[in-house]
Amino acid sequence: MDVNGRKALHDRFMRDCEERLSIATLESLGFFTAPASTKYHGAFEGGLFDHSLATAEELVDLTQKLRLEWERPESPYIIGMYHDLCKCDSYIWDIETNTYKYNPDSIYPDHAQKSIIMLQKYITLTDEEIACIRWHMGAYEKDPKMWEYYGRAIEQYPNVLYTHTADMIASKIRGI
């Protein structure tokens, strides 16, 4: 799929969300061309958007099937689509190895927090959305000391767990 196809899919999927990033903003960030990773899911040009859309689709599907309740109805769309926004500039193409590598110039070490910081420049997030984006890595949280915080986040905002689940369905089952 090309950039124009990805932009059209974004607009169709997010059409009912009052809070969303504009195509111009997303394009300037590289959202439609960035990879989702260097060697795992979505490690190709446009992989970030493809993974984000798949995560959003899965989170909306879980919301409908399990009758999840959110602070605002648009939350599964916003969280799913923008949970990895930070990856817009996390990777750079290495012409010597013909692969993506980590961008050494990033100033934020935590990608979930970076996504929240970036998003809040453009839209207002609810506390629930912030928690879901912050903890979407779930079982992949690298610091074991953070598991206690993750557990409390799930207790306060159960949709944190479903956000992680949607991300895992997209990356591990759908392979995007």
Protein backbone atom coordinates (compact mmCIF):
# COMPACT_ATOMS: atom_id res chain seq x y z
CA MET A 1 0.00 0.00 0.00
CA ASP A 2 1.29 3.49 -0.79
CA VAL A 3 1.21 6.67 1.30
CA ASN A 4 -2.01 7.94 -0.30
CA GLY A 5 -3.73 4.65 0.48
CA ARG A 6 -2.58 4.85 4.09
CA LYS A 7 -3.80 8.45 4.40
CA ALA A 8 -7.21 7.50 3.01
CA LEU A 9 -7.46 4.54 5.41
CA HIS A 10 -6.57 6.81 8.34
CA ASP A 11 -9.26 9.31 7.38
CA ARG A 12 -11.90 6.61 6.95
CA PHE A 13 -11.07 4.86 10.19
CA MET A 14 -10.79 8.03 12.28
CA ARG A 15 -13.68 9.92 10.61
CA ASP A 16 -15.92 9.96 13.71
CA CYS A 17 -13.18 11.10 16.13
CA GLU A 18 -13.27 14.73 17.13
CA GLU A 19 -9.79 14.37 18.61
CA ARG A 20 -7.39 13.22 15.91
CA LEU A 21 -4.23 14.35 14.24
CA SER A 22 -4.49 15.95 10.82
CA ILE A 23 -3.08 14.22 7.76
CA ALA A 24 -0.68 17.16 7.32
CA THR A 25 0.64 16.73 10.87
CA LEU A 26 0.97 12.96 10.52
CA GLU A 27 2.69 13.34 7.17
CA SER A 28 5.16 15.88 8.59
CA LEU A 29 5.97 13.42 11.40
CA GLY A 30 6.53 10.56 8.96
CA PHE A 31 3.67 8.45 10.35
CA PHE A 32 2.76 6.97 6.96
CA THR A 33 6.31 6.01 5.95
CA ALA A 34 8.10 5.05 9.20
CA PRO A 35 8.64 1.40 10.15
CA ALA A 36 7.11 0.00 13.35
CA SER A 37 10.39 -1.65 14.38
CA THR A 38 13.87 -2.47 13.14
CA LYS A 39 13.45 -6.24 12.83
CA TYR A 40 10.16 -7.39 14.32
CA HIS A 41 6.58 -6.45 13.42
CA GLY A 42 6.14 -3.84 10.70
CA ALA A 43 9.86 -3.53 9.95
CA PHE A 44 9.20 -1.95 6.56
CA GLU A 45 8.36 1.45 5.13
CA GLY A 46 4.81 2.25 6.23
CA GLY A 47 4.87 -0.46 8.90
CA LEU A 48 4.12 2.02 11.68
CA PHE A 49 0.81 3.03 10.16
CA ASP A 50 -0.08 -0.56 9.25
CA HIS A 51 0.65 -1.72 12.82
CA SER A 52 -1.20 1.24 14.35
CA LEU A 53 -4.28 0.64 12.22
CA ALA A 54 -4.25 -3.08 13.07
CA THR A 55 -3.95 -2.29 16.80
CA ALA A 56 -6.79 0.23 16.58
CA GLU A 57 -8.97 -2.27 14.69
CA GLU A 58 -8.32 -4.93 17.32
CA LEU A 59 -9.00 -2.53 20.22
CA VAL A 60 -12.28 -1.41 18.64
CA ASP A 61 -13.19 -5.07 18.04
CA LEU A 62 -12.41 -6.00 21.68
CA THR A 63 -14.43 -2.98 22.82
CA GLN A 64 -17.48 -4.11 20.84
CA LYS A 65 -17.27 -7.82 21.63
CA LEU A 66 -16.52 -7.40 25.34
CA ARG A 67 -18.66 -4.26 25.75
CA LEU A 68 -15.75 -2.33 27.20
CA GLU A 69 -16.59 1.07 28.64
CA TRP A 70 -14.36 4.08 28.02
CA GLU A 71 -14.28 7.62 29.37
CA ARG A 72 -15.05 8.70 25.81
CA PRO A 73 -16.21 6.57 22.87
CA GLU A 74 -13.32 7.63 20.62
CA SER A 75 -10.66 6.31 23.02
CA PRO A 76 -10.04 2.91 21.39
CA TYR A 77 -9.55 4.66 18.04
CA ILE A 78 -7.19 7.32 19.46
CA ILE A 79 -5.19 4.91 21.62
CA GLY A 80 -4.88 2.23 18.97
CA MET A 81 -3.94 4.58 16.16
CA TYR A 82 -1.47 6.74 18.08
CA HIS A 83 0.00 4.47 20.80
CA ASP A 84 3.33 4.21 18.92
CA LEU A 85 3.43 7.74 17.50
CA CYS A 86 6.92 8.15 18.94
CA LYS A 87 8.24 5.69 16.38
CA CYS A 88 7.85 8.30 13.64
CA ASP A 89 11.48 9.28 14.25
CA SER A 90 12.77 6.32 16.26
CA TYR A 91 14.40 4.53 13.33
CA ILE A 92 16.58 5.60 10.45
CA TRP A 93 17.55 3.81 7.26
CA ASP A 94 21.15 2.61 7.25
CA ILE A 95 22.35 2.54 3.66
CA GLU A 96 25.43 0.49 4.58
CA THR A 97 23.43 -2.44 5.98
CA ASN A 98 20.25 -1.80 4.00
CA THR A 99 18.20 -2.05 7.21
CA TYR A 100 16.56 0.21 9.77
CA LYS A 101 18.48 1.03 12.94
CA TYR A 102 17.68 3.01 16.07
CA ASN A 103 17.97 6.76 15.78
CA PRO A 104 20.75 7.73 18.22
CA ASP A 105 19.54 11.35 18.45
CA SER A 106 16.33 10.68 20.41
CA ILE A 107 16.05 12.55 23.72
CA TYR A 108 13.27 10.38 25.21
CA PRO A 109 14.26 6.85 26.27
CA ASP A 110 10.73 5.56 26.96
CA HIS A 111 8.72 5.20 23.78
CA ALA A 112 5.30 5.14 25.44
CA GLN A 113 5.96 8.36 27.33
CA LYS A 114 7.34 9.93 24.17
CA SER A 115 4.11 9.05 22.34
CA ILE A 116 2.09 10.77 25.07
CA ILE A 117 4.29 13.87 24.93
CA MET A 118 4.01 14.06 21.16
CA LEU A 119 0.24 13.48 21.14
CA GLN A 120 -0.47 16.13 23.77
CA LYS A 121 0.97 18.76 21.44
CA TYR A 122 -2.03 18.16 19.17
CA ILE A 123 -4.92 16.66 21.12
CA THR A 124 -6.20 16.48 24.69
CA LEU A 125 -5.92 13.01 26.17
CA THR A 126 -8.02 11.64 29.01
CA ASP A 127 -6.28 10.09 32.02
CA GLU A 128 -7.45 6.69 30.82
CA GLU A 129 -5.92 7.26 27.36
CA ILE A 130 -2.65 8.35 28.94
CA ALA A 131 -2.56 5.21 31.10
CA CYS A 132 -3.40 2.94 28.15
CA ILE A 133 -0.68 4.44 25.97
CA ARG A 134 1.89 4.48 28.78
CA TRP A 135 1.32 0.82 29.64
CA HIS A 136 0.54 -0.65 26.21
CA MET A 137 3.81 -2.61 26.30
CA GLY A 138 2.43 -4.71 29.15
CA ALA A 139 4.45 -7.91 29.43
CA TYR A 140 7.27 -6.31 27.45
CA GLU A 141 7.97 -3.67 30.10
CA LYS A 142 11.75 -3.97 30.45
CA ASP A 143 12.13 -2.80 34.04
CA PRO A 144 10.65 -5.36 36.48
CA LYS A 145 10.23 -2.58 39.04
CA MET A 146 7.53 -1.16 36.77
CA TRP A 147 5.26 -4.22 37.03
CA GLU A 148 3.77 -2.87 40.25
CA TYR A 149 2.81 0.36 38.47
CA TYR A 150 1.45 -1.60 35.52
CA GLY A 151 -0.73 -3.68 37.86
CA ARG A 152 -2.11 -0.56 39.54
CA ALA A 153 -2.80 1.00 36.14
CA ILE A 154 -4.86 -2.06 35.16
CA GLU A 155 -6.77 -1.91 38.45
CA GLN A 156 -7.61 1.77 37.94
CA TYR A 157 -8.12 1.56 34.16
CA PRO A 158 -8.95 -2.03 33.07
CA ASN A 159 -8.71 -0.99 29.42
CA VAL A 160 -4.93 -0.80 29.89
CA LEU A 161 -4.93 -4.60 29.72
CA TYR A 162 -7.09 -4.65 26.60
CA THR A 163 -4.84 -2.09 24.92
CA HIS A 164 -1.86 -4.36 25.49
CA THR A 165 -3.90 -7.31 24.23
CA ALA A 166 -4.88 -5.46 21.04
CA ASP A 167 -1.23 -4.52 20.44
CA MET A 168 -0.19 -8.16 20.88
CA ILE A 169 -2.93 -9.43 18.55
CA ALA A 170 -1.75 -6.95 15.90
CA SER A 171 1.96 -7.71 16.27
CA LYS A 172 2.10 -11.38 17.29
CA ILE A 173 -0.98 -12.90 15.67
CA ARG A 174 -1.57 -10.67 12.65
CA GLY A 175 2.17 -10.10 12.30
CA ILE A 176 1.89 -6.37 11.69
